[in-house]
């Protein structure tokens, strides 16, 4: 074999190796099932969500435990935008009369946070717990009727405001409100947004 023929063989081998590597790289990066894998959706914006407060539940499912008596409300969040979006974590909730009343809701960790994807028109929920102010102990807490709830969704700055009529403690530092992580599906049986 001549000197140039030997070099040509090496060049051809390198070219074949390069083409083989390129084909393998394209095959590995172009997974045929990748189209079936759900792509992460964008975070839900406040402007794309409609919030609603469900009717109070008089029975606390934790009655009989060491937890104080309370009233439970379901906060419903419906995606009214034209695109799917994602919620993860806890909404921030505060009650207002003319200004903030009492302390903001603390996190109720009895429900573990999970990512919730909301298709357009779909609804998720969170449970808001309002502790009994104890009418037999009027000196323990100044009771007021909150007129509005301020709800701030995870990863958002802008808030939604809901008109309410909730009796609660007005003293800062007193924990009247707790809220669970956002959960998939509506929390009010049979309820659908208009």
N, C-alpha and C. Protein backbone atom coordinates (compact mmCIF):
# COMPACT_ATOMS: atom_id res chain seq x y z
N UNK A 1 0.85 -1.17 0.00
CA UNK A 1 0.00 0.00 0.00
C UNK A 1 0.89 1.23 0.00
N UNK A 2 0.52 2.21 -0.77
CA UNK A 2 1.32 3.42 -0.86
C UNK A 2 1.09 4.29 0.36
N UNK A 3 1.97 5.26 0.50
CA UNK A 3 1.85 6.18 1.62
C UNK A 3 0.54 6.93 1.59
N UNK A 4 0.10 7.36 0.41
CA UNK A 4 -1.16 8.09 0.31
C UNK A 4 -2.38 7.20 0.47
N UNK A 5 -2.29 5.95 0.01
CA UNK A 5 -3.40 5.00 0.16
C UNK A 5 -3.63 4.69 1.63
N UNK A 6 -2.57 4.58 2.42
CA UNK A 6 -2.68 4.31 3.85
C UNK A 6 -3.37 5.49 4.58
N UNK A 7 -3.02 6.71 4.19
CA UNK A 7 -3.63 7.91 4.78
C UNK A 7 -5.10 7.99 4.39
N UNK A 8 -5.42 7.63 3.15
CA UNK A 8 -6.82 7.65 2.70
C UNK A 8 -7.67 6.68 3.51
N UNK A 9 -7.11 5.51 3.84
CA UNK A 9 -7.83 4.53 4.64
C UNK A 9 -8.11 5.08 6.04
N UNK A 10 -7.12 5.76 6.63
CA UNK A 10 -7.32 6.37 7.94
C UNK A 10 -8.38 7.47 7.91
N UNK A 11 -8.34 8.30 6.86
CA UNK A 11 -9.32 9.38 6.73
C UNK A 11 -10.73 8.78 6.60
N UNK A 12 -10.84 7.71 5.82
CA UNK A 12 -12.15 7.07 5.64
C UNK A 12 -12.64 6.49 6.96
N UNK A 13 -11.73 5.87 7.75
CA UNK A 13 -12.11 5.29 9.04
C UNK A 13 -12.57 6.37 10.01
N UNK A 14 -11.85 7.49 10.02
CA UNK A 14 -12.23 8.60 10.90
C UNK A 14 -13.59 9.16 10.48
N UNK A 15 -13.82 9.28 9.19
CA UNK A 15 -15.09 9.81 8.68
C UNK A 15 -16.24 8.89 9.06
N UNK A 16 -16.05 7.57 8.92
CA UNK A 16 -17.09 6.61 9.28
C UNK A 16 -17.37 6.69 10.78
N UNK A 17 -16.31 6.77 11.60
CA UNK A 17 -16.49 6.89 13.05
C UNK A 17 -17.24 8.17 13.40
N UNK A 18 -16.91 9.27 12.74
CA UNK A 18 -17.58 10.54 13.01
C UNK A 18 -19.06 10.48 12.64
N UNK A 19 -19.37 9.94 11.47
CA UNK A 19 -20.76 9.82 11.03
C UNK A 19 -21.53 8.91 11.98
N UNK A 20 -20.92 7.80 12.40
CA UNK A 20 -21.57 6.88 13.34
C UNK A 20 -21.87 7.55 14.67
N UNK A 21 -20.94 8.35 15.17
CA UNK A 21 -21.15 9.07 16.43
C UNK A 21 -22.25 10.10 16.29
N UNK A 22 -22.27 10.81 15.16
CA UNK A 22 -23.31 11.82 14.93
C UNK A 22 -24.69 11.17 14.87
N UNK A 23 -24.81 10.01 14.18
CA UNK A 23 -26.10 9.31 14.09
C UNK A 23 -26.54 8.85 15.46
N UNK A 24 -25.60 8.32 16.25
CA UNK A 24 -25.93 7.88 17.61
C UNK A 24 -26.39 9.06 18.47
N UNK A 25 -25.72 10.20 18.36
CA UNK A 25 -26.09 11.38 19.14
C UNK A 25 -27.50 11.86 18.76
N UNK A 26 -27.80 11.87 17.46
CA UNK A 26 -29.13 12.29 17.02
C UNK A 26 -30.18 11.29 17.52
N UNK A 27 -29.86 9.99 17.47
CA UNK A 27 -30.80 8.97 17.94
C UNK A 27 -31.08 9.12 19.42
N UNK A 28 -30.04 9.38 20.21
CA UNK A 28 -30.22 9.50 21.65
C UNK A 28 -30.98 10.76 22.03
N UNK A 29 -30.79 11.85 21.30
CA UNK A 29 -31.48 13.09 21.64
C UNK A 29 -32.88 13.15 21.05
N UNK A 30 -33.20 12.30 20.08
CA UNK A 30 -34.53 12.29 19.47
C UNK A 30 -35.25 11.03 19.92
N UNK A 31 -35.71 11.05 21.14
CA UNK A 31 -36.46 9.93 21.70
C UNK A 31 -37.84 9.90 21.06
N UNK A 32 -38.23 8.77 20.45
CA UNK A 32 -39.53 8.74 19.79
C UNK A 32 -40.70 8.94 20.75
N UNK A 33 -40.52 8.64 22.04
CA UNK A 33 -41.60 8.80 23.00
C UNK A 33 -41.62 10.18 23.63
N UNK A 34 -40.67 11.06 23.26
CA UNK A 34 -40.59 12.37 23.90
C UNK A 34 -41.83 13.21 23.62
N UNK A 35 -42.53 12.94 22.52
CA UNK A 35 -43.73 13.71 22.23
C UNK A 35 -44.87 13.36 23.19
N UNK A 36 -44.79 12.16 23.81
CA UNK A 36 -45.84 11.73 24.73
C UNK A 36 -45.59 12.20 26.15
N UNK A 37 -44.37 12.68 26.45
CA UNK A 37 -44.05 13.15 27.78
C UNK A 37 -44.59 14.56 27.96
N UNK A 38 -45.35 14.78 29.02
CA UNK A 38 -45.93 16.11 29.25
C UNK A 38 -44.83 17.11 29.57
N UNK A 39 -44.84 18.19 28.84
CA UNK A 39 -43.87 19.25 29.09
C UNK A 39 -44.34 20.09 30.27
N UNK A 40 -43.42 20.58 31.11
CA UNK A 40 -43.85 21.40 32.24
C UNK A 40 -44.59 22.64 31.76
N UNK A 41 -45.71 22.93 32.40
CA UNK A 41 -46.50 24.09 31.99
C UNK A 41 -46.05 25.32 32.77
N UNK A 42 -46.50 26.47 32.32
CA UNK A 42 -46.13 27.74 32.97
C UNK A 42 -46.87 27.88 34.29
N UNK A 43 -46.33 28.70 35.15
CA UNK A 43 -46.95 28.99 36.44
C UNK A 43 -48.27 29.73 36.20
N UNK A 44 -49.30 29.39 36.97
CA UNK A 44 -50.59 30.07 36.83
C UNK A 44 -50.48 31.52 37.30
N UNK A 45 -50.93 32.43 36.49
CA UNK A 45 -50.94 33.85 36.83
C UNK A 45 -52.25 34.20 37.52
N UNK A 46 -52.20 35.18 38.40
CA UNK A 46 -53.40 35.62 39.10
C UNK A 46 -54.48 36.04 38.12
N UNK A 47 -54.08 36.71 37.03
CA UNK A 47 -55.06 37.18 36.04
C UNK A 47 -55.75 36.02 35.32
N UNK A 48 -55.16 34.83 35.35
CA UNK A 48 -55.75 33.68 34.67
C UNK A 48 -56.49 32.74 35.60
N UNK A 49 -56.65 33.13 36.86
CA UNK A 49 -57.35 32.28 37.83
C UNK A 49 -58.56 33.00 38.41
N UNK A 50 -59.64 32.27 38.58
CA UNK A 50 -60.83 32.80 39.25
C UNK A 50 -60.93 32.09 40.59
N UNK A 51 -60.98 32.85 41.67
CA UNK A 51 -61.06 32.27 43.02
C UNK A 51 -62.48 32.40 43.54
N UNK A 52 -62.89 31.41 44.34
CA UNK A 52 -64.24 31.39 44.92
C UNK A 52 -64.15 30.72 46.27
N UNK A 53 -64.95 31.16 47.22
CA UNK A 53 -65.00 30.57 48.56
C UNK A 53 -66.25 29.73 48.69
N UNK A 54 -66.08 28.48 49.09
CA UNK A 54 -67.22 27.59 49.29
C UNK A 54 -67.93 27.87 50.60
N UNK A 55 -69.08 27.24 50.77
CA UNK A 55 -69.87 27.40 52.00
C UNK A 55 -69.12 26.79 53.17
N UNK A 56 -69.34 27.32 54.37
CA UNK A 56 -68.64 26.79 55.55
C UNK A 56 -69.13 25.39 55.91
N UNK A 57 -68.21 24.60 56.41
CA UNK A 57 -68.55 23.28 56.95
C UNK A 57 -68.55 23.42 58.45
N UNK A 58 -69.65 23.07 59.08
CA UNK A 58 -69.76 23.26 60.53
C UNK A 58 -69.03 22.18 61.31
N UNK A 59 -68.86 21.01 60.75
CA UNK A 59 -68.19 19.94 61.47
C UNK A 59 -66.73 19.91 61.09
N UNK A 60 -65.87 19.95 62.08
CA UNK A 60 -64.43 19.85 61.84
C UNK A 60 -64.06 18.38 61.85
N UNK A 61 -63.45 17.85 60.76
CA UNK A 61 -63.10 16.44 60.73
C UNK A 61 -62.09 16.05 61.80
N UNK A 62 -61.43 17.05 62.40
CA UNK A 62 -60.45 16.75 63.45
C UNK A 62 -61.08 16.86 64.84
N UNK A 63 -62.42 16.98 64.91
CA UNK A 63 -63.08 17.09 66.21
C UNK A 63 -62.78 15.84 67.02
N UNK A 64 -62.59 16.03 68.30
CA UNK A 64 -62.25 14.90 69.15
C UNK A 64 -60.76 14.75 69.35
N UNK A 65 -59.97 15.49 68.55
CA UNK A 65 -58.52 15.47 68.74
C UNK A 65 -58.16 16.70 69.56
N UNK A 66 -56.89 16.96 69.69
CA UNK A 66 -56.45 18.12 70.47
C UNK A 66 -56.62 19.43 69.71
N UNK A 67 -56.95 19.35 68.41
CA UNK A 67 -57.15 20.56 67.61
C UNK A 67 -58.39 21.29 68.09
N UNK A 68 -58.32 22.61 68.13
CA UNK A 68 -59.46 23.42 68.56
C UNK A 68 -60.57 23.34 67.51
N UNK A 69 -61.80 23.60 67.95
CA UNK A 69 -62.93 23.62 67.03
C UNK A 69 -62.71 24.71 65.98
N UNK A 70 -63.21 24.45 64.79
CA UNK A 70 -62.99 25.39 63.70
C UNK A 70 -64.06 25.24 62.65
N UNK A 71 -64.10 26.21 61.75
CA UNK A 71 -64.96 26.14 60.57
C UNK A 71 -64.05 25.99 59.36
N UNK A 72 -64.44 25.09 58.46
CA UNK A 72 -63.64 24.84 57.26
C UNK A 72 -64.32 25.45 56.05
N UNK A 73 -63.52 26.08 55.20
CA UNK A 73 -63.99 26.65 53.94
C UNK A 73 -63.13 26.07 52.83
N UNK A 74 -63.72 25.89 51.66
CA UNK A 74 -62.95 25.44 50.51
C UNK A 74 -62.70 26.62 49.58
N UNK A 75 -61.44 26.88 49.30
CA UNK A 75 -61.05 27.90 48.33
C UNK A 75 -60.90 27.20 46.98
N UNK A 76 -61.67 27.64 46.00
CA UNK A 76 -61.63 27.05 44.66
C UNK A 76 -60.85 27.96 43.72
N UNK A 77 -59.98 27.37 42.89
CA UNK A 77 -59.18 28.12 41.94
C UNK A 77 -59.39 27.52 40.55
N UNK A 78 -60.02 28.28 39.65
CA UNK A 78 -60.31 27.78 38.30
C UNK A 78 -59.48 28.52 37.27
N UNK A 79 -58.90 27.76 36.35
CA UNK A 79 -58.10 28.33 35.28
C UNK A 79 -59.04 28.90 34.21
N UNK A 80 -59.10 30.23 34.13
CA UNK A 80 -59.95 30.89 33.14
C UNK A 80 -59.13 31.44 31.97
N UNK A 81 -57.85 31.06 31.92
CA UNK A 81 -57.01 31.48 30.80
C UNK A 81 -57.19 30.48 29.66
N UNK A 82 -56.56 30.72 28.57
CA UNK A 82 -56.67 29.82 27.42
C UNK A 82 -55.53 28.83 27.32
N UNK A 83 -54.75 28.68 28.39
CA UNK A 83 -53.60 27.76 28.34
C UNK A 83 -53.48 27.00 29.65
N UNK A 84 -52.85 25.84 29.59
CA UNK A 84 -52.62 25.07 30.80
C UNK A 84 -51.58 25.80 31.66
N UNK A 85 -51.72 25.67 32.97
CA UNK A 85 -50.75 26.29 33.87
C UNK A 85 -50.57 25.41 35.10
N UNK A 86 -49.58 25.76 35.92
CA UNK A 86 -49.19 24.93 37.05
C UNK A 86 -49.27 25.70 38.36
N UNK A 87 -49.80 25.03 39.40
CA UNK A 87 -49.80 25.56 40.77
C UNK A 87 -49.07 24.57 41.65
N UNK A 88 -48.26 25.09 42.56
CA UNK A 88 -47.56 24.21 43.50
C UNK A 88 -47.35 24.94 44.81
N UNK A 89 -47.82 24.35 45.89
CA UNK A 89 -47.56 24.92 47.20
C UNK A 89 -48.81 25.45 47.87
N UNK A 90 -48.62 26.48 48.67
CA UNK A 90 -49.67 27.04 49.51
C UNK A 90 -50.07 28.44 49.04
N UNK A 91 -51.36 28.75 49.00
CA UNK A 91 -51.74 30.14 48.79
C UNK A 91 -51.51 30.91 50.08
N UNK A 92 -51.18 32.18 49.96
CA UNK A 92 -51.09 33.04 51.15
C UNK A 92 -52.46 33.67 51.34
N UNK A 93 -53.00 33.58 52.56
CA UNK A 93 -54.35 34.07 52.83
C UNK A 93 -54.34 35.00 54.03
N UNK A 94 -54.96 36.16 53.88
CA UNK A 94 -55.13 37.12 54.98
C UNK A 94 -56.56 37.62 54.95
N UNK A 95 -57.09 37.95 56.14
CA UNK A 95 -58.45 38.48 56.25
C UNK A 95 -58.38 39.99 56.49
N UNK A 96 -59.39 40.70 55.95
CA UNK A 96 -59.42 42.17 56.05
C UNK A 96 -60.81 42.65 56.47
N UNK A 97 -60.82 43.73 57.25
CA UNK A 97 -62.04 44.52 57.47
C UNK A 97 -61.77 45.83 56.74
N UNK A 98 -61.07 46.77 57.36
CA UNK A 98 -60.60 47.96 56.65
C UNK A 98 -59.12 47.78 56.33
N UNK A 99 -58.44 47.08 57.22
CA UNK A 99 -57.03 46.73 57.02
C UNK A 99 -56.91 45.26 57.42
N UNK A 100 -55.68 44.74 57.38
CA UNK A 100 -55.52 43.33 57.73
C UNK A 100 -56.00 43.07 59.14
N UNK A 101 -56.78 42.01 59.29
CA UNK A 101 -57.34 41.61 60.57
C UNK A 101 -56.62 40.37 61.06
N UNK A 102 -56.02 40.44 62.23
CA UNK A 102 -55.31 39.29 62.76
C UNK A 102 -54.08 38.96 61.94
N UNK A 103 -53.57 37.76 62.16
CA UNK A 103 -52.36 37.32 61.45
C UNK A 103 -52.73 36.59 60.17
N UNK A 104 -51.78 36.56 59.23
CA UNK A 104 -51.98 35.80 58.00
C UNK A 104 -52.09 34.31 58.33
N UNK A 105 -52.71 33.56 57.43
CA UNK A 105 -52.88 32.13 57.64
C UNK A 105 -51.53 31.43 57.71
N UNK A 106 -51.44 30.48 58.64
CA UNK A 106 -50.25 29.64 58.70
C UNK A 106 -50.48 28.42 57.82
N UNK A 107 -49.42 27.69 57.51
CA UNK A 107 -49.53 26.51 56.65
C UNK A 107 -49.97 25.30 57.46
N UNK A 108 -51.02 24.66 56.98
CA UNK A 108 -51.49 23.40 57.54
C UNK A 108 -50.79 22.30 56.75
N UNK A 109 -49.85 21.63 57.36
CA UNK A 109 -49.01 20.66 56.63
C UNK A 109 -49.61 19.26 56.62
N UNK A 110 -50.90 19.12 56.94
CA UNK A 110 -51.52 17.80 56.92
C UNK A 110 -51.67 17.25 55.50
N UNK A 111 -51.59 18.14 54.50
CA UNK A 111 -51.64 17.73 53.10
C UNK A 111 -50.31 18.11 52.47
N UNK A 112 -49.63 17.12 51.89
CA UNK A 112 -48.32 17.38 51.28
C UNK A 112 -48.48 18.11 49.95
N UNK A 113 -47.69 19.17 49.71
CA UNK A 113 -47.78 19.88 48.42
C UNK A 113 -47.40 18.97 47.26
N UNK A 114 -48.16 19.04 46.19
CA UNK A 114 -47.88 18.31 44.96
C UNK A 114 -48.14 19.26 43.79
N UNK A 115 -47.40 19.12 42.70
CA UNK A 115 -47.66 19.97 41.53
C UNK A 115 -49.06 19.69 40.98
N UNK A 116 -49.78 20.73 40.65
CA UNK A 116 -51.13 20.61 40.09
C UNK A 116 -51.13 21.32 38.74
N UNK A 117 -51.43 20.59 37.68
CA UNK A 117 -51.55 21.19 36.35
C UNK A 117 -53.02 21.44 36.07
N UNK A 118 -53.35 22.67 35.73
CA UNK A 118 -54.73 23.05 35.44
C UNK A 118 -54.89 23.32 33.94
N UNK A 119 -55.65 22.48 33.28
CA UNK A 119 -56.02 22.74 31.89
C UNK A 119 -57.03 23.89 31.90
N UNK A 120 -57.25 24.56 30.78
CA UNK A 120 -58.26 25.62 30.76
C UNK A 120 -59.62 25.09 31.24
N UNK A 121 -60.22 25.79 32.18
CA UNK A 121 -61.51 25.39 32.73
C UNK A 121 -61.43 24.46 33.93
N UNK A 122 -60.26 23.91 34.22
CA UNK A 122 -60.11 22.98 35.35
C UNK A 122 -60.00 23.74 36.66
N UNK A 123 -60.36 23.07 37.75
CA UNK A 123 -60.38 23.69 39.08
C UNK A 123 -59.55 22.89 40.07
N UNK A 124 -58.81 23.60 40.91
CA UNK A 124 -58.08 23.01 42.04
C UNK A 124 -58.63 23.67 43.30
N UNK A 125 -58.22 23.17 44.46
CA UNK A 125 -58.74 23.75 45.70
C UNK A 125 -57.72 23.68 46.82
N UNK A 126 -58.03 24.43 47.87
CA UNK A 126 -57.27 24.43 49.11
C UNK A 126 -58.28 24.60 50.24
N UNK A 127 -57.99 24.01 51.39
CA UNK A 127 -58.91 24.11 52.52
C UNK A 127 -58.40 25.17 53.48
N UNK A 128 -59.30 26.11 53.82
CA UNK A 128 -59.00 27.17 54.76
C UNK A 128 -59.70 26.83 56.08
N UNK A 129 -58.95 26.86 57.15
CA UNK A 129 -59.48 26.54 58.48
C UNK A 129 -59.50 27.82 59.30
N UNK A 130 -60.67 28.17 59.85
CA UNK A 130 -60.82 29.34 60.70
C UNK A 130 -61.12 28.86 62.11
N UNK A 131 -60.19 29.12 63.02
CA UNK A 131 -60.34 28.65 64.40
C UNK A 131 -61.49 29.34 65.09
N UNK A 132 -62.19 28.61 65.94
CA UNK A 132 -63.28 29.16 66.73
C UNK A 132 -62.69 30.22 67.67
N UNK A 133 -63.29 31.40 67.67
CA UNK A 133 -62.76 32.48 68.51
C UNK A 133 -63.13 32.30 69.97
N UNK A 134 -64.03 31.38 70.26
CA UNK A 134 -64.37 31.11 71.66
C UNK A 134 -65.28 32.17 72.23
N UNK A 135 -66.57 32.11 71.89
CA UNK A 135 -67.51 33.12 72.37
C UNK A 135 -67.63 33.12 73.88
N UNK A 136 -67.23 32.00 74.52
CA UNK A 136 -67.30 31.95 75.98
C UNK A 136 -66.12 32.67 76.61
N UNK A 137 -65.14 33.07 75.77
CA UNK A 137 -63.96 33.78 76.29
C UNK A 137 -63.81 35.11 75.56
N UNK A 138 -64.72 36.05 75.75
CA UNK A 138 -64.68 37.30 74.99
C UNK A 138 -63.43 38.13 75.25
N UNK A 139 -62.81 37.97 76.42
CA UNK A 139 -61.62 38.77 76.71
C UNK A 139 -60.37 38.20 76.06
N UNK A 140 -60.43 36.93 75.65
CA UNK A 140 -59.25 36.30 75.07
C UNK A 140 -58.94 36.84 73.68
N UNK A 141 -59.97 37.33 73.00
CA UNK A 141 -59.75 37.75 71.62
C UNK A 141 -60.86 38.70 71.20
N UNK A 142 -60.49 39.81 70.56
CA UNK A 142 -61.49 40.73 70.03
C UNK A 142 -62.03 40.14 68.73
N UNK A 143 -63.31 39.79 68.73
CA UNK A 143 -63.92 39.19 67.56
C UNK A 143 -64.37 40.26 66.58
N UNK A 144 -64.13 40.01 65.31
CA UNK A 144 -64.59 40.89 64.24
C UNK A 144 -65.14 40.02 63.12
N UNK A 145 -65.83 40.64 62.20
CA UNK A 145 -66.29 39.93 61.01
C UNK A 145 -65.46 40.40 59.83
N UNK A 146 -64.64 39.50 59.33
CA UNK A 146 -63.82 39.83 58.16
C UNK A 146 -64.73 40.00 56.96
N UNK A 147 -64.43 41.00 56.13
CA UNK A 147 -65.25 41.31 54.96
C UNK A 147 -64.60 40.88 53.66
N UNK A 148 -63.31 40.55 53.73
CA UNK A 148 -62.58 40.24 52.51
C UNK A 148 -61.42 39.31 52.82
N UNK A 149 -61.15 38.38 51.92
CA UNK A 149 -59.94 37.56 52.00
C UNK A 149 -59.01 37.98 50.87
N UNK A 150 -57.75 38.14 51.23
CA UNK A 150 -56.73 38.40 50.22
C UNK A 150 -56.00 37.09 49.99
N UNK A 151 -56.01 36.61 48.73
CA UNK A 151 -55.39 35.33 48.38
C UNK A 151 -54.28 35.60 47.37
N UNK A 152 -53.07 35.19 47.72
CA UNK A 152 -51.94 35.34 46.81
C UNK A 152 -51.48 33.94 46.42
N UNK A 153 -51.48 33.66 45.13
CA UNK A 153 -51.12 32.34 44.62
C UNK A 153 -49.60 32.14 44.65
N UNK A 154 -49.15 30.89 44.71
CA UNK A 154 -47.70 30.63 44.71
C UNK A 154 -47.01 31.28 43.51
N UNK A 155 -45.85 31.84 43.76
CA UNK A 155 -45.01 32.48 42.74
C UNK A 155 -45.65 33.71 42.10
N UNK A 156 -46.62 34.32 42.78
CA UNK A 156 -47.28 35.53 42.28
C UNK A 156 -47.18 36.64 43.30
N UNK A 157 -47.20 37.88 42.83
CA UNK A 157 -47.19 39.05 43.71
C UNK A 157 -48.58 39.65 43.79
N UNK A 158 -49.27 39.71 42.67
CA UNK A 158 -50.63 40.25 42.61
C UNK A 158 -51.58 39.29 43.32
N UNK A 159 -52.54 39.83 44.06
CA UNK A 159 -53.47 39.01 44.84
C UNK A 159 -54.88 39.06 44.27
N UNK A 160 -55.68 38.07 44.66
CA UNK A 160 -57.11 38.06 44.36
C UNK A 160 -57.84 38.39 45.67
N UNK A 161 -58.96 39.07 45.58
CA UNK A 161 -59.73 39.45 46.77
C UNK A 161 -61.13 38.85 46.68
N UNK A 162 -61.55 38.21 47.77
CA UNK A 162 -62.85 37.55 47.82
C UNK A 162 -63.72 38.17 48.90
N UNK A 163 -64.95 38.56 48.59
CA UNK A 163 -65.84 39.07 49.64
C UNK A 163 -66.26 37.91 50.55
N UNK A 164 -66.22 38.13 51.85
CA UNK A 164 -66.56 37.08 52.82
C UNK A 164 -67.34 37.68 53.98
N UNK A 165 -67.79 36.82 54.86
CA UNK A 165 -68.45 37.22 56.11
C UNK A 165 -68.03 36.16 57.13
N UNK A 166 -66.82 36.34 57.68
CA UNK A 166 -66.22 35.32 58.56
C UNK A 166 -65.89 35.94 59.91
N UNK A 167 -66.39 35.34 60.98
CA UNK A 167 -66.06 35.77 62.34
C UNK A 167 -64.69 35.21 62.71
N UNK A 168 -63.84 36.08 63.22
CA UNK A 168 -62.50 35.65 63.59
C UNK A 168 -61.87 36.59 64.60
N UNK A 169 -60.71 36.21 65.09
CA UNK A 169 -59.97 37.01 66.06
C UNK A 169 -59.22 38.12 65.32
N UNK A 170 -59.28 39.33 65.88
CA UNK A 170 -58.60 40.46 65.23
C UNK A 170 -57.21 40.72 65.79
N UNK A 171 -56.83 40.01 66.83
CA UNK A 171 -55.56 40.29 67.50
C UNK A 171 -54.40 39.70 66.71
N UNK A 172 -53.42 40.54 66.38
CA UNK A 172 -52.21 40.07 65.69
C UNK A 172 -51.47 39.11 66.61
N UNK A 173 -50.92 38.08 66.01
CA UNK A 173 -50.21 37.08 66.79
C UNK A 173 -51.10 35.91 67.17
N UNK A 174 -52.42 36.10 67.13
CA UNK A 174 -53.35 35.01 67.40
C UNK A 174 -53.58 34.26 66.08
N UNK A 175 -53.38 32.95 66.10
CA UNK A 175 -53.52 32.17 64.87
C UNK A 175 -54.99 31.77 64.70
N UNK A 176 -55.67 32.47 63.81
CA UNK A 176 -57.07 32.16 63.51
C UNK A 176 -57.21 31.38 62.22
N UNK A 177 -56.28 31.58 61.30
CA UNK A 177 -56.38 30.98 59.97
C UNK A 177 -55.24 30.01 59.70
N UNK A 178 -55.57 28.90 59.05
CA UNK A 178 -54.55 28.00 58.51
C UNK A 178 -55.04 27.53 57.16
N UNK A 179 -54.11 27.24 56.27
CA UNK A 179 -54.47 26.87 54.90
C UNK A 179 -53.64 25.68 54.45
N UNK A 180 -54.30 24.75 53.75
CA UNK A 180 -53.62 23.57 53.24
C UNK A 180 -53.00 23.86 51.87
N UNK A 181 -52.12 22.97 51.44
CA UNK A 181 -51.53 23.08 50.11
C UNK A 181 -52.62 22.93 49.06
N UNK A 182 -52.38 23.50 47.89
CA UNK A 182 -53.33 23.41 46.78
C UNK A 182 -53.38 21.97 46.29
N UNK A 183 -54.60 21.50 46.08
CA UNK A 183 -54.83 20.12 45.66
C UNK A 183 -55.58 20.10 44.33
N UNK A 184 -55.39 19.02 43.60
CA UNK A 184 -56.06 18.87 42.30
C UNK A 184 -57.55 18.66 42.49
N UNK A 185 -58.31 18.97 41.47
CA UNK A 185 -59.76 18.77 41.40
C UNK A 185 -60.54 19.73 42.30
N UNK A 186 -61.79 19.97 41.96
CA UNK A 186 -62.63 20.84 42.79
C UNK A 186 -62.81 20.24 44.17
N UNK A 187 -62.98 21.10 45.16
CA UNK A 187 -63.20 20.63 46.51
C UNK A 187 -64.66 20.66 46.92
N UNK A 188 -65.50 21.34 46.13
CA UNK A 188 -66.93 21.41 46.42
C UNK A 188 -67.63 20.37 45.56
N UNK A 189 -68.24 19.34 46.15
CA UNK A 189 -68.89 18.29 45.34
C UNK A 189 -69.92 18.87 44.39
N UNK A 190 -69.82 18.46 43.13
CA UNK A 190 -70.79 18.88 42.13
C UNK A 190 -70.65 20.32 41.66
N UNK A 191 -69.63 21.02 42.12
CA UNK A 191 -69.50 22.43 41.73
C UNK A 191 -68.69 22.58 40.45
N UNK A 192 -69.19 23.36 39.52
CA UNK A 192 -68.43 23.71 38.32
C UNK A 192 -68.57 25.22 38.12
N UNK A 193 -67.52 25.80 37.59
CA UNK A 193 -67.55 27.25 37.36
C UNK A 193 -68.50 27.56 36.22
N UNK A 194 -69.23 28.70 36.28
CA UNK A 194 -70.15 29.07 35.21
C UNK A 194 -69.37 29.46 33.95
